[in-house]
Amino acid sequence: MALSEFECRKLEVELDRFIESTRPPLEIRDKLDTGYRVENQSVLLFEIRPRWDKPKDKMESPVAKATYSKTQEVWKIYWMRADLKWHRYEPMPTVDQLGDFLSLVDEDKHACFWG
């Protein structure tokens, strides 16, 4: 079951604040930027860059994913490994709040998210 419209709006406010605080300077955003998408019960954070073979086209590179489990009332955290599959973030597989997820991604103590 997807998040309610109210829950999505609340998440978007928090995500907008996070993205704005982590975005690169305005003068390089055409070469590197960050974004997010909310899909069903998941939040996906990604980098936006020009494609190497078609610089006018933009591509998204996944950074981190959090999926809300309503039954457990936790956010499950994932990172994308070199095999291009999502894997549980074992140092802290779940958090209670989206803000805790965003803090983990921002800190990136184990260099799993931003590399």
N, C-alpha and C. Protein backbone atom coordinates (compact mmCIF):
# COMPACT_ATOMS: atom_id res chain seq x y z
N MET A 1 0.84 -1.18 0.00
CA MET A 1 0.00 0.00 0.00
C MET A 1 0.89 1.25 0.00
N ALA A 2 0.58 2.20 -0.86
CA ALA A 2 1.38 3.41 -1.00
C ALA A 2 1.14 4.36 0.16
N LEU A 3 2.06 5.30 0.32
CA LEU A 3 1.92 6.32 1.35
C LEU A 3 0.75 7.24 1.01
N SER A 4 0.11 7.79 2.02
CA SER A 4 -1.01 8.70 1.79
C SER A 4 -0.50 10.01 1.20
N GLU A 5 -1.42 10.80 0.65
CA GLU A 5 -1.05 12.08 0.06
C GLU A 5 -0.44 13.00 1.12
N PHE A 6 -1.00 12.98 2.32
CA PHE A 6 -0.47 13.79 3.42
C PHE A 6 0.95 13.35 3.78
N GLU A 7 1.17 12.04 3.89
CA GLU A 7 2.51 11.52 4.21
C GLU A 7 3.51 11.89 3.13
N CYS A 8 3.09 11.78 1.87
CA CYS A 8 3.99 12.14 0.75
C CYS A 8 4.37 13.61 0.81
N ARG A 9 3.41 14.46 1.08
CA ARG A 9 3.70 15.90 1.14
C ARG A 9 4.68 16.21 2.27
N LYS A 10 4.47 15.58 3.42
CA LYS A 10 5.37 15.76 4.56
C LYS A 10 6.80 15.31 4.21
N LEU A 11 6.89 14.16 3.52
CA LEU A 11 8.20 13.65 3.09
C LEU A 11 8.86 14.61 2.11
N GLU A 12 8.07 15.13 1.17
CA GLU A 12 8.63 16.01 0.15
C GLU A 12 9.22 17.27 0.75
N VAL A 13 8.59 17.81 1.80
CA VAL A 13 9.13 19.00 2.46
C VAL A 13 10.50 18.68 3.05
N GLU A 14 10.61 17.54 3.74
CA GLU A 14 11.88 17.13 4.34
C GLU A 14 12.93 16.82 3.27
N LEU A 15 12.51 16.15 2.20
CA LEU A 15 13.43 15.81 1.12
C LEU A 15 13.91 17.05 0.37
N ASP A 16 13.01 18.00 0.13
CA ASP A 16 13.41 19.25 -0.53
C ASP A 16 14.48 19.97 0.28
N ARG A 17 14.30 20.01 1.58
CA ARG A 17 15.27 20.65 2.47
C ARG A 17 16.62 19.94 2.39
N PHE A 18 16.59 18.60 2.41
CA PHE A 18 17.83 17.82 2.33
C PHE A 18 18.54 18.05 1.00
N ILE A 19 17.80 17.92 -0.09
CA ILE A 19 18.40 18.09 -1.43
C ILE A 19 19.01 19.48 -1.56
N GLU A 20 18.30 20.49 -1.11
CA GLU A 20 18.82 21.85 -1.22
C GLU A 20 20.11 22.01 -0.44
N SER A 21 20.25 21.32 0.68
CA SER A 21 21.46 21.43 1.50
C SER A 21 22.64 20.63 0.93
N THR A 22 22.36 19.66 0.06
CA THR A 22 23.43 18.82 -0.48
C THR A 22 23.76 19.11 -1.94
N ARG A 23 22.99 19.95 -2.58
CA ARG A 23 23.23 20.23 -4.00
C ARG A 23 24.56 20.94 -4.20
N PRO A 24 25.21 20.68 -5.32
CA PRO A 24 26.46 21.39 -5.62
C PRO A 24 26.16 22.85 -5.95
N PRO A 25 27.20 23.68 -6.05
CA PRO A 25 27.00 25.09 -6.39
C PRO A 25 26.25 25.25 -7.72
N LEU A 26 25.50 26.31 -7.82
CA LEU A 26 24.66 26.59 -8.99
C LEU A 26 25.43 26.51 -10.31
N GLU A 27 26.67 26.99 -10.31
CA GLU A 27 27.43 27.05 -11.57
C GLU A 27 27.83 25.69 -12.14
N ILE A 28 27.75 24.62 -11.35
CA ILE A 28 28.10 23.29 -11.90
C ILE A 28 26.90 22.34 -11.97
N ARG A 29 25.72 22.83 -11.65
CA ARG A 29 24.55 21.93 -11.62
C ARG A 29 24.18 21.36 -12.99
N ASP A 30 24.63 21.96 -14.06
CA ASP A 30 24.37 21.36 -15.37
C ASP A 30 25.27 20.14 -15.60
N LYS A 31 26.32 20.01 -14.79
CA LYS A 31 27.23 18.86 -14.89
C LYS A 31 27.03 17.84 -13.76
N LEU A 32 26.51 18.29 -12.62
CA LEU A 32 26.25 17.41 -11.48
C LEU A 32 25.18 18.03 -10.61
N ASP A 33 24.16 17.24 -10.32
CA ASP A 33 23.09 17.71 -9.44
C ASP A 33 22.55 16.51 -8.67
N THR A 34 21.69 16.75 -7.72
CA THR A 34 21.06 15.67 -6.96
C THR A 34 19.56 15.84 -7.03
N GLY A 35 18.86 14.72 -6.83
CA GLY A 35 17.41 14.74 -6.86
C GLY A 35 16.84 13.58 -6.07
N TYR A 36 15.53 13.52 -6.04
CA TYR A 36 14.85 12.42 -5.36
C TYR A 36 13.54 12.11 -6.07
N ARG A 37 13.02 10.96 -5.74
CA ARG A 37 11.72 10.54 -6.26
C ARG A 37 11.05 9.71 -5.16
N VAL A 38 9.75 9.89 -4.99
CA VAL A 38 8.97 9.07 -4.07
C VAL A 38 8.13 8.13 -4.92
N GLU A 39 8.33 6.83 -4.73
CA GLU A 39 7.59 5.82 -5.48
C GLU A 39 6.96 4.84 -4.49
N ASN A 40 5.64 4.77 -4.49
CA ASN A 40 4.91 3.91 -3.55
C ASN A 40 5.37 4.22 -2.13
N GLN A 41 6.07 3.30 -1.48
CA GLN A 41 6.52 3.51 -0.11
C GLN A 41 8.03 3.70 -0.03
N SER A 42 8.64 4.04 -1.16
CA SER A 42 10.09 4.20 -1.21
C SER A 42 10.49 5.62 -1.58
N VAL A 43 11.63 6.01 -1.04
CA VAL A 43 12.27 7.27 -1.39
C VAL A 43 13.59 6.90 -2.06
N LEU A 44 13.83 7.44 -3.23
CA LEU A 44 15.05 7.17 -3.98
C LEU A 44 15.83 8.47 -4.15
N LEU A 45 17.08 8.47 -3.71
CA LEU A 45 17.97 9.62 -3.90
C LEU A 45 18.92 9.29 -5.05
N PHE A 46 19.21 10.27 -5.90
CA PHE A 46 20.07 10.01 -7.05
C PHE A 46 20.85 11.24 -7.45
N GLU A 47 21.95 11.01 -8.19
CA GLU A 47 22.73 12.07 -8.81
C GLU A 47 22.25 12.22 -10.25
N ILE A 48 22.34 13.42 -10.76
CA ILE A 48 21.96 13.71 -12.14
C ILE A 48 23.19 14.25 -12.86
N ARG A 49 23.55 13.58 -13.96
CA ARG A 49 24.73 13.97 -14.74
C ARG A 49 24.41 13.85 -16.23
N PRO A 50 25.19 14.56 -17.07
CA PRO A 50 25.04 14.34 -18.51
C PRO A 50 25.56 12.94 -18.87
N ARG A 51 24.93 12.33 -19.86
CA ARG A 51 25.45 11.04 -20.34
C ARG A 51 26.80 11.28 -21.00
N TRP A 52 27.71 10.35 -20.81
CA TRP A 52 29.06 10.53 -21.38
C TRP A 52 29.04 10.50 -22.90
N ASP A 53 28.12 9.70 -23.49
CA ASP A 53 28.08 9.58 -24.95
C ASP A 53 27.10 10.54 -25.61
N LYS A 54 26.18 11.12 -24.82
CA LYS A 54 25.22 12.11 -25.32
C LYS A 54 25.07 13.19 -24.26
N PRO A 55 26.01 14.11 -24.19
CA PRO A 55 26.02 15.09 -23.10
C PRO A 55 24.75 15.93 -22.96
N LYS A 56 23.95 16.02 -24.01
CA LYS A 56 22.70 16.79 -23.89
C LYS A 56 21.62 16.02 -23.13
N ASP A 57 21.78 14.71 -23.04
CA ASP A 57 20.84 13.87 -22.28
C ASP A 57 21.34 13.71 -20.85
N LYS A 58 20.41 13.74 -19.93
CA LYS A 58 20.75 13.56 -18.52
C LYS A 58 20.47 12.12 -18.09
N MET A 59 21.27 11.64 -17.13
CA MET A 59 21.03 10.30 -16.59
C MET A 59 21.04 10.39 -15.07
N GLU A 60 20.32 9.49 -14.46
CA GLU A 60 20.24 9.44 -13.00
C GLU A 60 21.05 8.24 -12.51
N SER A 61 21.87 8.46 -11.50
CA SER A 61 22.63 7.39 -10.87
C SER A 61 22.13 7.24 -9.44
N PRO A 62 21.57 6.09 -9.09
CA PRO A 62 21.02 5.90 -7.74
C PRO A 62 22.10 6.05 -6.67
N VAL A 63 21.72 6.67 -5.56
CA VAL A 63 22.62 6.87 -4.43
C VAL A 63 22.16 6.06 -3.23
N ALA A 64 20.88 6.18 -2.88
CA ALA A 64 20.36 5.50 -1.70
C ALA A 64 18.85 5.33 -1.84
N LYS A 65 18.33 4.35 -1.11
CA LYS A 65 16.90 4.09 -1.14
C LYS A 65 16.43 3.74 0.27
N ALA A 66 15.25 4.24 0.63
CA ALA A 66 14.63 3.88 1.90
C ALA A 66 13.19 3.50 1.60
N THR A 67 12.76 2.37 2.13
CA THR A 67 11.39 1.89 1.93
C THR A 67 10.71 1.79 3.29
N TYR A 68 9.53 2.40 3.37
CA TYR A 68 8.80 2.41 4.64
C TYR A 68 7.99 1.13 4.79
N SER A 69 8.15 0.48 5.94
CA SER A 69 7.37 -0.70 6.28
C SER A 69 6.31 -0.26 7.30
N LYS A 70 5.06 -0.18 6.85
CA LYS A 70 4.00 0.26 7.75
C LYS A 70 3.78 -0.72 8.89
N THR A 71 3.94 -2.00 8.63
CA THR A 71 3.71 -2.99 9.68
C THR A 71 4.75 -2.90 10.79
N GLN A 72 6.00 -2.62 10.41
CA GLN A 72 7.07 -2.51 11.40
C GLN A 72 7.32 -1.06 11.84
N GLU A 73 6.74 -0.12 11.11
CA GLU A 73 6.91 1.31 11.37
C GLU A 73 8.38 1.72 11.36
N VAL A 74 9.12 1.25 10.36
CA VAL A 74 10.53 1.60 10.18
C VAL A 74 10.82 1.85 8.70
N TRP A 75 11.89 2.57 8.47
CA TRP A 75 12.41 2.76 7.12
C TRP A 75 13.54 1.77 6.92
N LYS A 76 13.45 0.94 5.89
CA LYS A 76 14.52 0.00 5.55
C LYS A 76 15.46 0.70 4.58
N ILE A 77 16.75 0.62 4.86
CA ILE A 77 17.74 1.37 4.10
C ILE A 77 18.51 0.45 3.15
N TYR A 78 18.71 0.95 1.93
CA TYR A 78 19.42 0.19 0.89
C TYR A 78 20.48 1.06 0.23
N TRP A 79 21.51 0.41 -0.28
CA TRP A 79 22.51 1.07 -1.10
C TRP A 79 22.77 0.21 -2.32
N MET A 80 23.22 0.83 -3.40
CA MET A 80 23.45 0.09 -4.63
C MET A 80 24.92 -0.28 -4.74
N ARG A 81 25.14 -1.58 -4.84
CA ARG A 81 26.51 -2.09 -4.97
C ARG A 81 26.93 -2.10 -6.44
N ALA A 82 28.14 -2.51 -6.70
CA ALA A 82 28.68 -2.56 -8.07
C ALA A 82 27.90 -3.50 -8.97
N ASP A 83 27.16 -4.46 -8.39
CA ASP A 83 26.34 -5.37 -9.21
C ASP A 83 25.04 -4.72 -9.67
N LEU A 84 24.87 -3.42 -9.35
CA LEU A 84 23.70 -2.63 -9.73
C LEU A 84 22.39 -3.16 -9.13
N LYS A 85 22.51 -3.78 -7.96
CA LYS A 85 21.34 -4.26 -7.22
C LYS A 85 21.32 -3.58 -5.86
N TRP A 86 20.12 -3.36 -5.36
CA TRP A 86 19.97 -2.77 -4.04
C TRP A 86 20.28 -3.81 -2.97
N HIS A 87 21.08 -3.41 -1.97
CA HIS A 87 21.43 -4.28 -0.85
C HIS A 87 21.12 -3.54 0.44
N ARG A 88 20.73 -4.30 1.46
CA ARG A 88 20.47 -3.69 2.76
C ARG A 88 21.75 -3.04 3.27
N TYR A 89 21.59 -1.91 3.88
CA TYR A 89 22.71 -1.19 4.46
C TYR A 89 22.96 -1.78 5.85
N GLU A 90 23.87 -2.72 5.93
CA GLU A 90 24.08 -3.51 7.15
C GLU A 90 24.55 -2.72 8.37
N PRO A 91 25.33 -1.65 8.22
CA PRO A 91 25.68 -0.93 9.45
C PRO A 91 24.45 -0.44 10.21
N MET A 92 23.36 -0.13 9.48
CA MET A 92 22.11 0.29 10.11
C MET A 92 20.98 -0.01 9.12
N PRO A 93 20.43 -1.23 9.15
CA PRO A 93 19.45 -1.62 8.15
C PRO A 93 18.10 -0.92 8.25
N THR A 94 17.76 -0.38 9.44
CA THR A 94 16.49 0.33 9.58
C THR A 94 16.67 1.56 10.47
N VAL A 95 15.79 2.52 10.25
CA VAL A 95 15.70 3.71 11.11
C VAL A 95 14.22 4.01 11.32
N ASP A 96 13.94 4.77 12.36
CA ASP A 96 12.54 5.09 12.68
C ASP A 96 11.99 6.26 11.88
N GLN A 97 12.86 7.21 11.53
CA GLN A 97 12.42 8.44 10.87
C GLN A 97 13.17 8.64 9.56
N LEU A 98 12.51 9.29 8.61
CA LEU A 98 13.17 9.61 7.34
C LEU A 98 14.38 10.49 7.57
N GLY A 99 14.30 11.41 8.52
CA GLY A 99 15.42 12.30 8.82
C GLY A 99 16.66 11.53 9.24
N ASP A 100 16.47 10.41 9.93
CA ASP A 100 17.62 9.58 10.32
C ASP A 100 18.27 8.96 9.10
N PHE A 101 17.46 8.54 8.13
CA PHE A 101 17.98 8.01 6.87
C PHE A 101 18.79 9.08 6.14
N LEU A 102 18.23 10.28 6.05
CA LEU A 102 18.91 11.37 5.35
C LEU A 102 20.23 11.73 6.03
N SER A 103 20.25 11.68 7.35
CA SER A 103 21.50 11.94 8.08
C SER A 103 22.56 10.89 7.78
N LEU A 104 22.14 9.62 7.71
CA LEU A 104 23.08 8.53 7.37
C LEU A 104 23.67 8.74 5.97
N VAL A 105 22.81 9.10 5.04
CA VAL A 105 23.27 9.31 3.66
C VAL A 105 24.21 10.50 3.60
N ASP A 106 23.88 11.56 4.29
CA ASP A 106 24.72 12.75 4.28
C ASP A 106 26.08 12.47 4.91
N GLU A 107 26.09 11.77 6.02
CA GLU A 107 27.35 11.43 6.71
C GLU A 107 28.16 10.42 5.89
N ASP A 108 27.50 9.40 5.36
CA ASP A 108 28.11 8.36 4.52
C ASP A 108 29.43 7.85 5.11
N LYS A 109 29.38 7.47 6.37
CA LYS A 109 30.57 7.05 7.12
C LYS A 109 31.30 5.87 6.46
N HIS A 110 30.58 4.99 5.77
CA HIS A 110 31.19 3.81 5.16
C HIS A 110 31.36 3.94 3.64
N ALA A 111 31.15 5.14 3.10
CA ALA A 111 31.30 5.44 1.67
C ALA A 111 30.48 4.50 0.79
N CYS A 112 29.29 4.18 1.24
CA CYS A 112 28.40 3.31 0.46
C CYS A 112 27.50 4.12 -0.48
N PHE A 113 27.12 5.31 -0.09
CA PHE A 113 26.13 6.06 -0.85
C PHE A 113 26.76 6.96 -1.91
N TRP A 114 27.60 7.87 -1.50
CA TRP A 114 28.18 8.82 -2.45
C TRP A 114 29.50 8.33 -3.04
N GLY A 115 30.02 7.21 -2.53
CA GLY A 115 31.21 6.62 -3.12
C GLY A 115 32.49 6.96 -2.46
